[in-house]
Amino acid sequence: MESVGLLRQAACDGRVEVFGSFREGDVTMSDGFSLGTVEVASSPQERFAEFLQSKGKRITQQRRILVDHVFERHDHFDAEELIINLATQPEGTKVSRPTVYRTLNELVDAGLLRRMNLKGRAVYEHDYGYPQHDHLHCTMCDRLIEFQSGDLQKLRTAVANEHSFRVTGHRLIITGVCADCSSKRHRQQSPLDLI
């Protein structure tokens, strides 16, 4: 069985533990592991402007600030976290709450972001210019662990071929309990815990 390469871990509570570094078109692990390169024809800002133009809308300053902010880092986030994070940026205070929610939906429709539903919460991540990957989701701490597996890709292809199905993508979220939460659950109680 091929080993699974962990890209990074991120919890949806705003904590992010980065094990690699994100650069436009390429994701590299700190130990030299790479997810490979995804060639993109235009920047997220350009692609979003084209999408809005096709819908008869224009890219406002608020939308531009929001897109720049979302794509300057790679992490999982929800709308409320984005609003809080924007409020810490001087230009981010100009972006209204309704614009954040509306623009997130438009970014999903444009194929720039992917929306995942985790315990009733919409969580977003980059989709455009980012390699296909899947997730492990800890149901205790909400940590997301991204991974890529060649074995999973082969299985997907085999199942699609068996059904004469043309695959355009897939999304897999495996739920369970991460190692940190598991060790906390199985830790022996200490007399100090009673203090």
N, C-alpha and C. Protein backbone atom coordinates (compact mmCIF):
# COMPACT_ATOMS: atom_id res chain seq x y z
N MET A 1 0.86 -1.18 0.00
CA MET A 1 0.00 0.00 0.00
C MET A 1 0.90 1.24 0.00
N GLU A 2 0.56 2.17 -0.84
CA GLU A 2 1.33 3.42 -0.95
C GLU A 2 1.11 4.25 0.30
N SER A 3 2.15 4.91 0.78
CA SER A 3 2.00 5.73 1.98
C SER A 3 1.23 7.00 1.64
N VAL A 4 0.50 7.47 2.62
CA VAL A 4 -0.29 8.68 2.46
C VAL A 4 0.56 9.86 2.87
N GLY A 5 0.65 10.87 2.01
CA GLY A 5 1.44 12.06 2.32
C GLY A 5 0.57 13.12 2.97
N LEU A 6 0.89 13.50 4.19
CA LEU A 6 0.14 14.55 4.87
C LEU A 6 0.62 15.90 4.37
N LEU A 7 -0.30 16.73 3.97
CA LEU A 7 0.04 18.06 3.49
C LEU A 7 0.14 19.03 4.66
N ARG A 8 -0.90 19.10 5.46
CA ARG A 8 -0.89 19.99 6.61
C ARG A 8 -2.09 19.67 7.46
N GLN A 9 -2.13 20.18 8.65
CA GLN A 9 -3.27 20.00 9.52
C GLN A 9 -3.80 21.38 9.85
N ALA A 10 -5.11 21.51 9.90
CA ALA A 10 -5.72 22.79 10.28
C ALA A 10 -6.98 22.52 11.06
N ALA A 11 -7.15 23.20 12.15
CA ALA A 11 -8.38 23.10 12.91
C ALA A 11 -9.26 24.26 12.50
N CYS A 12 -10.56 24.04 12.52
CA CYS A 12 -11.49 25.08 12.08
C CYS A 12 -11.72 26.13 13.14
N ASP A 13 -11.04 26.03 14.28
CA ASP A 13 -11.20 27.03 15.32
C ASP A 13 -10.18 28.15 15.18
N GLY A 14 -9.51 28.22 14.02
CA GLY A 14 -8.57 29.30 13.76
C GLY A 14 -7.13 28.90 13.96
N ARG A 15 -6.85 27.74 14.59
CA ARG A 15 -5.48 27.29 14.75
C ARG A 15 -5.05 26.60 13.47
N VAL A 16 -3.87 26.88 13.01
CA VAL A 16 -3.36 26.24 11.79
C VAL A 16 -1.96 25.75 12.07
N GLU A 17 -1.72 24.47 11.82
CA GLU A 17 -0.39 23.91 11.95
C GLU A 17 0.08 23.59 10.54
N VAL A 18 1.05 24.33 10.04
CA VAL A 18 1.49 24.15 8.66
C VAL A 18 2.70 23.23 8.62
N PHE A 19 2.60 22.17 7.82
CA PHE A 19 3.71 21.24 7.66
C PHE A 19 4.40 21.44 6.33
N GLY A 20 3.85 22.24 5.45
CA GLY A 20 4.44 22.53 4.15
C GLY A 20 4.32 24.02 3.91
N SER A 21 4.62 24.43 2.70
CA SER A 21 4.45 25.84 2.38
C SER A 21 3.65 25.93 1.09
N PHE A 22 2.77 26.89 1.00
CA PHE A 22 1.94 27.05 -0.18
C PHE A 22 2.50 28.16 -1.05
N ARG A 23 2.71 27.83 -2.31
CA ARG A 23 3.09 28.82 -3.30
C ARG A 23 2.15 28.64 -4.47
N GLU A 24 1.85 29.69 -5.18
CA GLU A 24 0.93 29.61 -6.30
C GLU A 24 1.35 28.49 -7.25
N GLY A 25 0.44 27.54 -7.42
CA GLY A 25 0.66 26.45 -8.36
C GLY A 25 1.45 25.28 -7.81
N ASP A 26 1.99 25.37 -6.58
CA ASP A 26 2.79 24.25 -6.08
C ASP A 26 2.69 24.20 -4.56
N VAL A 27 2.58 22.98 -4.04
CA VAL A 27 2.56 22.79 -2.61
C VAL A 27 3.72 21.87 -2.26
N THR A 28 4.56 22.27 -1.35
CA THR A 28 5.74 21.50 -1.02
C THR A 28 5.75 21.19 0.47
N MET A 29 6.08 19.95 0.81
CA MET A 29 6.21 19.56 2.20
C MET A 29 7.57 20.00 2.73
N SER A 30 7.66 20.17 4.03
CA SER A 30 8.93 20.56 4.62
C SER A 30 9.97 19.47 4.46
N ASP A 31 9.56 18.18 4.33
CA ASP A 31 10.52 17.10 4.15
C ASP A 31 10.79 16.80 2.68
N GLY A 32 10.39 17.69 1.78
CA GLY A 32 10.65 17.51 0.37
C GLY A 32 9.50 16.89 -0.40
N PHE A 33 8.48 16.37 0.27
CA PHE A 33 7.32 15.80 -0.40
C PHE A 33 6.57 16.91 -1.11
N SER A 34 6.13 16.66 -2.33
CA SER A 34 5.40 17.66 -3.09
C SER A 34 4.14 17.05 -3.67
N LEU A 35 3.06 17.79 -3.61
CA LEU A 35 1.81 17.36 -4.23
C LEU A 35 1.86 17.56 -5.74
N GLY A 36 2.87 18.24 -6.22
CA GLY A 36 2.98 18.49 -7.64
C GLY A 36 2.52 19.89 -8.00
N THR A 37 2.58 20.17 -9.26
CA THR A 37 2.24 21.50 -9.75
C THR A 37 0.89 21.47 -10.44
N VAL A 38 0.10 22.48 -10.18
CA VAL A 38 -1.17 22.66 -10.88
C VAL A 38 -1.04 23.95 -11.67
N GLU A 39 -1.04 23.83 -12.97
CA GLU A 39 -0.92 25.01 -13.83
C GLU A 39 -2.26 25.74 -13.87
N VAL A 40 -2.22 27.04 -13.69
CA VAL A 40 -3.43 27.86 -13.78
C VAL A 40 -3.19 28.96 -14.79
N ALA A 41 -4.23 29.28 -15.55
CA ALA A 41 -4.10 30.26 -16.62
C ALA A 41 -4.13 31.70 -16.11
N SER A 42 -4.79 31.92 -14.99
CA SER A 42 -4.91 33.28 -14.47
C SER A 42 -4.92 33.25 -12.95
N SER A 43 -4.72 34.41 -12.36
CA SER A 43 -4.72 34.52 -10.90
C SER A 43 -6.16 34.37 -10.39
N PRO A 44 -6.33 34.05 -9.10
CA PRO A 44 -7.69 33.99 -8.55
C PRO A 44 -8.46 35.30 -8.75
N GLN A 45 -7.75 36.43 -8.61
CA GLN A 45 -8.39 37.74 -8.81
C GLN A 45 -8.92 37.89 -10.25
N GLU A 46 -8.08 37.50 -11.23
CA GLU A 46 -8.49 37.59 -12.64
C GLU A 46 -9.63 36.62 -12.95
N ARG A 47 -9.53 35.41 -12.44
CA ARG A 47 -10.58 34.41 -12.69
C ARG A 47 -11.91 34.87 -12.08
N PHE A 48 -11.85 35.44 -10.88
CA PHE A 48 -13.07 35.91 -10.23
C PHE A 48 -13.68 37.08 -10.99
N ALA A 49 -12.84 37.98 -11.46
CA ALA A 49 -13.33 39.12 -12.25
C ALA A 49 -14.02 38.63 -13.52
N GLU A 50 -13.45 37.62 -14.19
CA GLU A 50 -14.07 37.04 -15.40
C GLU A 50 -15.42 36.40 -15.06
N PHE A 51 -15.47 35.68 -13.94
CA PHE A 51 -16.71 35.04 -13.51
C PHE A 51 -17.79 36.09 -13.26
N LEU A 52 -17.44 37.15 -12.51
CA LEU A 52 -18.42 38.20 -12.21
C LEU A 52 -18.89 38.88 -13.49
N GLN A 53 -17.96 39.15 -14.40
CA GLN A 53 -18.33 39.79 -15.67
C GLN A 53 -19.31 38.92 -16.45
N SER A 54 -19.11 37.61 -16.43
CA SER A 54 -20.01 36.70 -17.15
C SER A 54 -21.41 36.71 -16.55
N LYS A 55 -21.52 37.11 -15.27
CA LYS A 55 -22.81 37.20 -14.58
C LYS A 55 -23.37 38.62 -14.58
N GLY A 56 -22.67 39.54 -15.27
CA GLY A 56 -23.13 40.92 -15.33
C GLY A 56 -22.84 41.70 -14.07
N LYS A 57 -21.89 41.24 -13.27
CA LYS A 57 -21.53 41.92 -12.03
C LYS A 57 -20.13 42.50 -12.17
N ARG A 58 -19.78 43.40 -11.26
CA ARG A 58 -18.46 43.99 -11.31
C ARG A 58 -17.69 43.64 -10.04
N ILE A 59 -16.37 43.70 -10.14
CA ILE A 59 -15.52 43.42 -8.98
C ILE A 59 -15.34 44.72 -8.21
N THR A 60 -15.98 44.78 -7.06
CA THR A 60 -15.91 45.98 -6.22
C THR A 60 -14.62 45.94 -5.39
N GLN A 61 -14.32 47.05 -4.77
CA GLN A 61 -13.15 47.13 -3.90
C GLN A 61 -13.28 46.13 -2.75
N GLN A 62 -14.49 46.00 -2.17
CA GLN A 62 -14.70 45.05 -1.08
C GLN A 62 -14.41 43.62 -1.54
N ARG A 63 -14.90 43.25 -2.72
CA ARG A 63 -14.65 41.90 -3.24
C ARG A 63 -13.16 41.69 -3.50
N ARG A 64 -12.50 42.70 -4.02
CA ARG A 64 -11.06 42.60 -4.32
C ARG A 64 -10.27 42.38 -3.03
N ILE A 65 -10.58 43.13 -1.98
CA ILE A 65 -9.91 42.98 -0.69
C ILE A 65 -10.14 41.57 -0.15
N LEU A 66 -11.37 41.09 -0.25
CA LEU A 66 -11.72 39.77 0.25
C LEU A 66 -10.98 38.66 -0.49
N VAL A 67 -10.95 38.72 -1.81
CA VAL A 67 -10.26 37.70 -2.62
C VAL A 67 -8.76 37.72 -2.30
N ASP A 68 -8.16 38.89 -2.23
CA ASP A 68 -6.74 38.99 -1.90
C ASP A 68 -6.46 38.35 -0.53
N HIS A 69 -7.31 38.66 0.43
CA HIS A 69 -7.12 38.14 1.80
C HIS A 69 -7.25 36.62 1.84
N VAL A 70 -8.26 36.09 1.18
CA VAL A 70 -8.50 34.63 1.19
C VAL A 70 -7.34 33.89 0.53
N PHE A 71 -6.81 34.41 -0.57
CA PHE A 71 -5.80 33.68 -1.33
C PHE A 71 -4.35 34.01 -0.95
N GLU A 72 -4.14 34.88 0.05
CA GLU A 72 -2.76 35.14 0.47
C GLU A 72 -2.27 34.06 1.44
N ARG A 73 -3.16 33.22 1.92
CA ARG A 73 -2.80 32.10 2.80
C ARG A 73 -3.64 30.90 2.40
N HIS A 74 -3.22 29.72 2.85
CA HIS A 74 -4.01 28.53 2.57
C HIS A 74 -4.39 27.86 3.88
N ASP A 75 -5.65 28.01 4.24
CA ASP A 75 -6.15 27.33 5.42
C ASP A 75 -7.65 27.10 5.26
N HIS A 76 -8.20 26.30 6.14
CA HIS A 76 -9.65 26.08 6.17
C HIS A 76 -10.24 27.16 7.06
N PHE A 77 -11.39 27.67 6.70
CA PHE A 77 -12.00 28.75 7.48
C PHE A 77 -13.50 28.75 7.26
N ASP A 78 -14.23 29.37 8.19
CA ASP A 78 -15.65 29.61 7.97
C ASP A 78 -15.86 31.12 7.85
N ALA A 79 -17.07 31.51 7.54
CA ALA A 79 -17.34 32.94 7.28
C ALA A 79 -17.06 33.80 8.51
N GLU A 80 -17.43 33.31 9.68
CA GLU A 80 -17.21 34.10 10.90
C GLU A 80 -15.73 34.29 11.18
N GLU A 81 -14.93 33.25 10.99
CA GLU A 81 -13.48 33.39 11.17
C GLU A 81 -12.90 34.39 10.18
N LEU A 82 -13.40 34.36 8.95
CA LEU A 82 -12.92 35.29 7.94
C LEU A 82 -13.28 36.73 8.33
N ILE A 83 -14.47 36.94 8.82
CA ILE A 83 -14.90 38.28 9.24
C ILE A 83 -14.02 38.79 10.38
N ILE A 84 -13.77 37.93 11.36
CA ILE A 84 -12.92 38.31 12.50
C ILE A 84 -11.50 38.62 12.02
N ASN A 85 -10.97 37.76 11.14
CA ASN A 85 -9.62 37.95 10.62
C ASN A 85 -9.52 39.23 9.79
N LEU A 86 -10.54 39.50 8.98
CA LEU A 86 -10.54 40.73 8.17
C LEU A 86 -10.54 41.98 9.05
N ALA A 87 -11.24 41.90 10.17
CA ALA A 87 -11.35 43.07 11.06
C ALA A 87 -9.99 43.48 11.63
N THR A 88 -9.03 42.57 11.62
CA THR A 88 -7.69 42.90 12.14
C THR A 88 -6.82 43.58 11.08
N GLN A 89 -7.29 43.60 9.84
CA GLN A 89 -6.55 44.22 8.74
C GLN A 89 -7.11 45.62 8.49
N PRO A 90 -6.26 46.60 8.24
CA PRO A 90 -6.75 47.97 8.03
C PRO A 90 -7.77 48.06 6.90
N GLU A 91 -7.49 47.42 5.76
CA GLU A 91 -8.42 47.50 4.63
C GLU A 91 -9.61 46.55 4.81
N GLY A 92 -9.47 45.55 5.70
CA GLY A 92 -10.52 44.56 5.91
C GLY A 92 -11.75 45.12 6.59
N THR A 93 -11.59 46.22 7.33
CA THR A 93 -12.74 46.81 8.01
C THR A 93 -13.75 47.39 7.02
N LYS A 94 -13.33 47.55 5.77
CA LYS A 94 -14.22 48.10 4.74
C LYS A 94 -15.15 47.03 4.16
N VAL A 95 -14.94 45.76 4.51
CA VAL A 95 -15.73 44.68 3.94
C VAL A 95 -16.86 44.33 4.90
N SER A 96 -18.10 44.47 4.43
CA SER A 96 -19.26 44.23 5.28
C SER A 96 -19.56 42.74 5.41
N ARG A 97 -20.26 42.37 6.47
CA ARG A 97 -20.65 40.99 6.72
C ARG A 97 -21.47 40.42 5.56
N PRO A 98 -22.50 41.12 5.06
CA PRO A 98 -23.25 40.57 3.92
C PRO A 98 -22.37 40.34 2.68
N THR A 99 -21.39 41.23 2.46
CA THR A 99 -20.49 41.06 1.31
C THR A 99 -19.64 39.81 1.49
N VAL A 100 -19.19 39.52 2.70
CA VAL A 100 -18.40 38.32 2.95
C VAL A 100 -19.22 37.08 2.58
N TYR A 101 -20.44 36.97 3.11
CA TYR A 101 -21.27 35.79 2.83
C TYR A 101 -21.59 35.66 1.34
N ARG A 102 -21.96 36.77 0.73
CA ARG A 102 -22.31 36.76 -0.71
C ARG A 102 -21.09 36.40 -1.56
N THR A 103 -19.94 36.98 -1.23
CA THR A 103 -18.73 36.74 -2.02
C THR A 103 -18.24 35.31 -1.84
N LEU A 104 -18.35 34.75 -0.64
CA LEU A 104 -17.96 33.35 -0.45
C LEU A 104 -18.78 32.43 -1.36
N ASN A 105 -20.08 32.67 -1.45
CA ASN A 105 -20.92 31.88 -2.36
C ASN A 105 -20.49 32.06 -3.81
N GLU A 106 -20.16 33.28 -4.18
CA GLU A 106 -19.72 33.55 -5.55
C GLU A 106 -18.36 32.88 -5.84
N LEU A 107 -17.47 32.87 -4.86
CA LEU A 107 -16.17 32.22 -5.03
C LEU A 107 -16.33 30.70 -5.21
N VAL A 108 -17.30 30.13 -4.52
CA VAL A 108 -17.61 28.70 -4.70
C VAL A 108 -18.17 28.48 -6.10
N ASP A 109 -19.13 29.31 -6.50
CA ASP A 109 -19.73 29.19 -7.85
C ASP A 109 -18.69 29.37 -8.95
N ALA A 110 -17.68 30.20 -8.69
CA ALA A 110 -16.64 30.46 -9.69
C ALA A 110 -15.59 29.35 -9.73
N GLY A 111 -15.67 28.40 -8.79
CA GLY A 111 -14.70 27.31 -8.75
C GLY A 111 -13.38 27.67 -8.08
N LEU A 112 -13.38 28.76 -7.33
CA LEU A 112 -12.16 29.19 -6.65
C LEU A 112 -12.05 28.61 -5.24
N LEU A 113 -13.19 28.44 -4.58
CA LEU A 113 -13.23 27.84 -3.25
C LEU A 113 -14.11 26.61 -3.27
N ARG A 114 -13.85 25.72 -2.33
CA ARG A 114 -14.69 24.54 -2.13
C ARG A 114 -15.33 24.68 -0.76
N ARG A 115 -16.63 24.36 -0.67
CA ARG A 115 -17.35 24.44 0.60
C ARG A 115 -17.56 23.02 1.12
N MET A 116 -17.25 22.81 2.38
CA MET A 116 -17.50 21.53 3.04
C MET A 116 -18.42 21.79 4.22
N ASN A 117 -19.33 20.86 4.49
CA ASN A 117 -20.22 20.99 5.63
C ASN A 117 -19.70 20.10 6.74
N LEU A 118 -19.21 20.70 7.82
CA LEU A 118 -18.69 19.97 8.96
C LEU A 118 -19.53 20.28 10.18
N LYS A 119 -20.26 19.30 10.64
CA LYS A 119 -21.13 19.45 11.80
C LYS A 119 -22.05 20.67 11.67
N GLY A 120 -22.66 20.83 10.49
CA GLY A 120 -23.61 21.90 10.25
C GLY A 120 -22.98 23.26 9.97
N ARG A 121 -21.67 23.32 9.84
CA ARG A 121 -20.95 24.56 9.59
C ARG A 121 -20.33 24.54 8.21
N ALA A 122 -20.49 25.60 7.44
CA ALA A 122 -19.85 25.70 6.12
C ALA A 122 -18.39 26.10 6.32
N VAL A 123 -17.48 25.25 5.86
CA VAL A 123 -16.04 25.50 5.96
C VAL A 123 -15.50 25.57 4.54
N TYR A 124 -14.62 26.51 4.28
CA TYR A 124 -14.11 26.76 2.94
C TYR A 124 -12.63 26.46 2.85
N GLU A 125 -12.19 26.10 1.64
CA GLU A 125 -10.77 25.92 1.33
C GLU A 125 -10.56 26.26 -0.13
N HIS A 126 -9.31 26.48 -0.51
CA HIS A 126 -8.97 26.77 -1.91
C HIS A 126 -9.28 25.56 -2.77
N ASP A 127 -9.82 25.81 -3.95
CA ASP A 127 -10.05 24.76 -4.93
C ASP A 127 -9.24 25.04 -6.20
N TYR A 128 -9.18 26.30 -6.59
CA TYR A 128 -8.51 26.71 -7.82
C TYR A 128 -7.00 26.69 -7.63
N GLY A 129 -6.30 25.99 -8.50
CA GLY A 129 -4.84 25.96 -8.45
C GLY A 129 -4.30 25.11 -7.32
N TYR A 130 -5.12 24.25 -6.75
CA TYR A 130 -4.69 23.42 -5.63
C TYR A 130 -4.94 21.96 -6.00
N PRO A 131 -3.98 21.08 -5.78
CA PRO A 131 -4.12 19.68 -6.20
C PRO A 131 -5.28 18.95 -5.51
N GLN A 132 -5.82 17.95 -6.19
CA GLN A 132 -6.86 17.10 -5.60
C GLN A 132 -6.32 16.47 -4.32
N HIS A 133 -7.11 16.52 -3.27
CA HIS A 133 -6.72 15.91 -2.00
C HIS A 133 -7.98 15.59 -1.22
N ASP A 134 -7.82 14.88 -0.14
CA ASP A 134 -8.95 14.48 0.69
C ASP A 134 -8.67 14.86 2.14
N HIS A 135 -9.62 14.57 3.01
CA HIS A 135 -9.51 15.03 4.40
C HIS A 135 -9.85 13.95 5.40
N LEU A 136 -9.17 14.02 6.54
CA LEU A 136 -9.56 13.33 7.76
C LEU A 136 -10.12 14.42 8.67
N HIS A 137 -11.28 14.19 9.27
CA HIS A 137 -11.91 15.21 10.12
C HIS A 137 -12.10 14.64 11.52
N CYS A 138 -11.44 15.26 12.51
CA CYS A 138 -11.60 14.84 13.90
C CYS A 138 -12.91 15.44 14.42
N THR A 139 -13.82 14.56 14.85
CA THR A 139 -15.13 15.02 15.32
C THR A 139 -15.06 15.59 16.73
N MET A 140 -13.91 15.44 17.39
CA MET A 140 -13.80 16.00 18.74
C MET A 140 -13.24 17.43 18.72
N CYS A 141 -12.16 17.66 17.99
CA CYS A 141 -11.53 19.00 18.01
C CYS A 141 -11.73 19.76 16.70
N ASP A 142 -12.38 19.14 15.71
CA ASP A 142 -12.64 19.76 14.40
C ASP A 142 -11.39 19.92 13.54
N ARG A 143 -10.29 19.28 13.90
CA ARG A 143 -9.08 19.36 13.09
C ARG A 143 -9.33 18.68 11.74
N LEU A 144 -8.82 19.30 10.70
CA LEU A 144 -8.84 18.71 9.36
C LEU A 144 -7.41 18.36 8.98
N ILE A 145 -7.21 17.15 8.51
CA ILE A 145 -5.91 16.72 8.05
C ILE A 145 -6.04 16.42 6.57
N GLU A 146 -5.31 17.16 5.74
CA GLU A 146 -5.35 16.94 4.30
C GLU A 146 -4.37 15.83 3.93
N PHE A 147 -4.75 15.00 2.96
CA PHE A 147 -3.86 13.96 2.49
C PHE A 147 -4.12 13.67 1.02
N GLN A 148 -3.15 13.03 0.41
CA GLN A 148 -3.25 12.55 -0.96
C GLN A 148 -2.86 11.09 -0.96
N SER A 149 -3.58 10.27 -1.71
CA SER A 149 -3.25 8.86 -1.78
C SER A 149 -3.40 8.36 -3.21
N GLY A 150 -2.32 7.84 -3.76
CA GLY A 150 -2.37 7.24 -5.09
C GLY A 150 -3.28 6.03 -5.12
N ASP A 151 -3.33 5.27 -4.02
CA ASP A 151 -4.21 4.10 -3.95
C ASP A 151 -5.67 4.52 -4.07
N LEU A 152 -6.02 5.61 -3.42
CA LEU A 152 -7.40 6.11 -3.49
C LEU A 152 -7.73 6.56 -4.92
N GLN A 153 -6.80 7.22 -5.58
CA GLN A 153 -7.00 7.65 -6.97
C GLN A 153 -7.22 6.44 -7.88
N LYS A 154 -6.43 5.37 -7.66
CA LYS A 154 -6.58 4.15 -8.47
C LYS A 154 -7.94 3.52 -8.23
N LEU A 155 -8.38 3.47 -6.98
CA LEU A 155 -9.69 2.92 -6.66
C LEU A 155 -10.79 3.72 -7.32
N ARG A 156 -10.70 5.03 -7.25
CA ARG A 156 -11.68 5.90 -7.88
C ARG A 156 -11.76 5.64 -9.38
N THR A 157 -10.62 5.52 -10.02
CA THR A 157 -10.57 5.26 -11.47
C THR A 157 -11.17 3.89 -11.79
N ALA A 158 -10.82 2.89 -11.00
CA ALA A 158 -11.33 1.54 -11.24
C ALA A 158 -12.85 1.48 -11.09
N VAL A 159 -13.38 2.10 -10.05
CA VAL A 159 -14.83 2.10 -9.83
C VAL A 159 -15.52 2.87 -10.96
N ALA A 160 -14.97 3.99 -11.38
CA ALA A 160 -15.55 4.78 -12.47
C ALA A 160 -15.55 3.97 -13.77
N ASN A 161 -14.43 3.31 -14.05
CA ASN A 161 -14.35 2.49 -15.27
C ASN A 161 -15.37 1.36 -15.25
N GLU A 162 -15.54 0.74 -14.11
CA GLU A 162 -16.50 -0.36 -13.97
C GLU A 162 -17.93 0.09 -14.31
N HIS A 163 -18.22 1.34 -14.05
CA HIS A 163 -19.56 1.88 -14.28
C HIS A 163 -19.62 2.79 -15.50
N SER A 164 -18.57 2.80 -16.32
CA SER A 164 -18.50 3.68 -17.49
C SER A 164 -18.83 5.12 -17.11
N PHE A 165 -18.17 5.57 -16.08
CA PHE A 165 -18.44 6.88 -15.50
C PHE A 165 -17.23 7.77 -15.71
N ARG A 166 -17.47 9.00 -16.18
CA ARG A 166 -16.38 9.97 -16.38
C ARG A 166 -16.26 10.82 -15.13
N VAL A 167 -15.15 10.69 -14.44
CA VAL A 167 -14.91 11.40 -13.19
C VAL A 167 -14.48 12.83 -13.48
N THR A 168 -15.09 13.78 -12.80
CA THR A 168 -14.66 15.17 -12.90
C THR A 168 -14.06 15.66 -11.58
N GLY A 169 -14.13 14.83 -10.57
CA GLY A 169 -13.57 15.17 -9.27
C GLY A 169 -14.22 14.32 -8.20
N HIS A 170 -13.72 14.43 -7.00
CA HIS A 170 -14.35 13.74 -5.88
C HIS A 170 -14.03 14.48 -4.59
N ARG A 171 -14.80 14.18 -3.57
CA ARG A 171 -14.58 14.77 -2.26
C ARG A 171 -14.75 13.65 -1.23
N LEU A 172 -13.75 13.44 -0.43
CA LEU A 172 -13.81 12.42 0.60
C LEU A 172 -13.42 13.05 1.92
N ILE A 173 -14.28 12.92 2.91
CA ILE A 173 -14.00 13.37 4.26
C ILE A 173 -14.21 12.17 5.16
N ILE A 174 -13.12 11.69 5.73
CA ILE A 174 -13.18 10.55 6.64
C ILE A 174 -13.28 11.11 8.06
N THR A 175 -14.33 10.75 8.77
CA THR A 175 -14.52 11.26 10.13
C THR A 175 -14.00 10.26 11.15
N GLY A 176 -13.54 10.77 12.25
CA GLY A 176 -13.03 9.93 13.32
C GLY A 176 -12.42 10.79 14.41
N VAL A 177 -11.45 10.23 15.12
CA VAL A 177 -10.81 10.92 16.24
C VAL A 177 -9.31 10.95 15.97
N CYS A 178 -8.73 12.14 16.03
CA CYS A 178 -7.28 12.30 15.77
C CYS A 178 -6.47 11.70 16.91
N ALA A 179 -5.18 11.55 16.67
CA ALA A 179 -4.29 10.95 17.66
C ALA A 179 -4.25 11.76 18.96
N ASP A 180 -4.23 13.09 18.86
CA ASP A 180 -4.19 13.92 20.07
C ASP A 180 -5.43 13.72 20.93
N CYS A 181 -6.61 13.76 20.32
CA CYS A 181 -7.86 13.58 21.06
C CYS A 181 -7.99 12.15 21.58
N SER A 182 -7.53 11.20 20.80
CA SER A 182 -7.59 9.80 21.21
C SER A 182 -6.72 9.57 22.44
N SER A 183 -5.53 10.15 22.46
CA SER A 183 -4.65 9.97 23.63
C SER A 183 -5.22 10.66 24.86
N LYS A 184 -5.92 11.76 24.68
CA LYS A 184 -6.55 12.45 25.82
C LYS A 184 -7.68 11.61 26.39
N ARG A 185 -8.43 10.92 25.49
CA ARG A 185 -9.56 10.10 25.94
C ARG A 185 -9.10 8.86 26.68
N HIS A 186 -7.93 8.32 26.33
CA HIS A 186 -7.46 7.08 26.90
C HIS A 186 -6.39 7.27 27.98
N ARG A 187 -6.15 8.50 28.38
CA ARG A 187 -5.15 8.79 29.38
C ARG A 187 -5.63 8.32 30.75
N GLN A 188 -4.75 7.74 31.50
CA GLN A 188 -5.08 7.30 32.85
C GLN A 188 -5.35 8.53 33.71
N GLN A 189 -6.37 8.44 34.56
CA GLN A 189 -6.68 9.55 35.44
C GLN A 189 -5.61 9.63 36.54
N SER A 190 -5.15 10.80 36.80
CA SER A 190 -4.13 11.06 37.80
C SER A 190 -4.78 11.64 39.05
N PRO A 191 -4.21 11.39 40.21
CA PRO A 191 -4.74 12.03 41.43
C PRO A 191 -4.76 13.55 41.30
N LEU A 192 -3.85 14.11 40.50
CA LEU A 192 -3.82 15.57 40.31
C LEU A 192 -5.04 16.07 39.56
N ASP A 193 -5.72 15.19 38.79
CA ASP A 193 -6.92 15.60 38.07
C ASP A 193 -8.04 15.97 39.01
N LEU A 194 -8.01 15.49 40.23
CA LEU A 194 -9.07 15.73 41.20
C LEU A 194 -8.91 17.08 41.90
N ILE A 195 -7.76 17.70 41.75
CA ILE A 195 -7.50 18.97 42.43
C ILE A 195 -8.18 20.10 41.69
